[in-house]
Amino acid sequence: MGNVYGCSQPGMTPDVFTLTGDTTCNAGAETTVFTTSTALKAPSQGNWWLQFMGLLTILFGGSAPSALALGFRVHGSSDFSSVSIPAALLVASSTLLYPIFQATTSSDTMFWPSGSIIEVTVEPTGQNVTAKQFGSFCYMTLFHGEDA
């Protein structure tokens, strides 16, 4: 059934995710920093897209990594989106507060009927970093997309 514009479209209240403690992110490996832990499921059939909003606090050691990427994926799959943090922001012995704002394309299968566990990952290159619990959070919410 298509959208009936002007009528209520079920939306979702954003889920808020925080770190349970400081998380070491090892160089050369994706480390999950935020996860839905249970499947994020749309309230009804149709096209849905996911929006991420938040802030990630990252502590660099005495040597900064040469690259740093954030990944967005369905649990157990490859990233469906990624963001490379600009190298000029990777400064040794500093703390970076990096805003997260990302969205998926709409899908009629990713979130219905069984839903998907969603993960946000950090992958440094060359040096480890620490995702700090203080100041880090991520909102994830589903929005109804276009008619098929």
Foldseek 3Di string as FASTA:
>chain_A
DFDDPPDDDDWDDWDKWFAPFKDKAFAPDWDFRTKPVAFQADPDFAWKKKKKWWKWKKFAAQDFFQWKKKFKDFPPDHGPDMDIDDSVQGDHGDIDIDIDIDMHGIDRPCRPDRGTMMTMIMHTHPGMMMTGRPRTMMIMIMDHDHGD
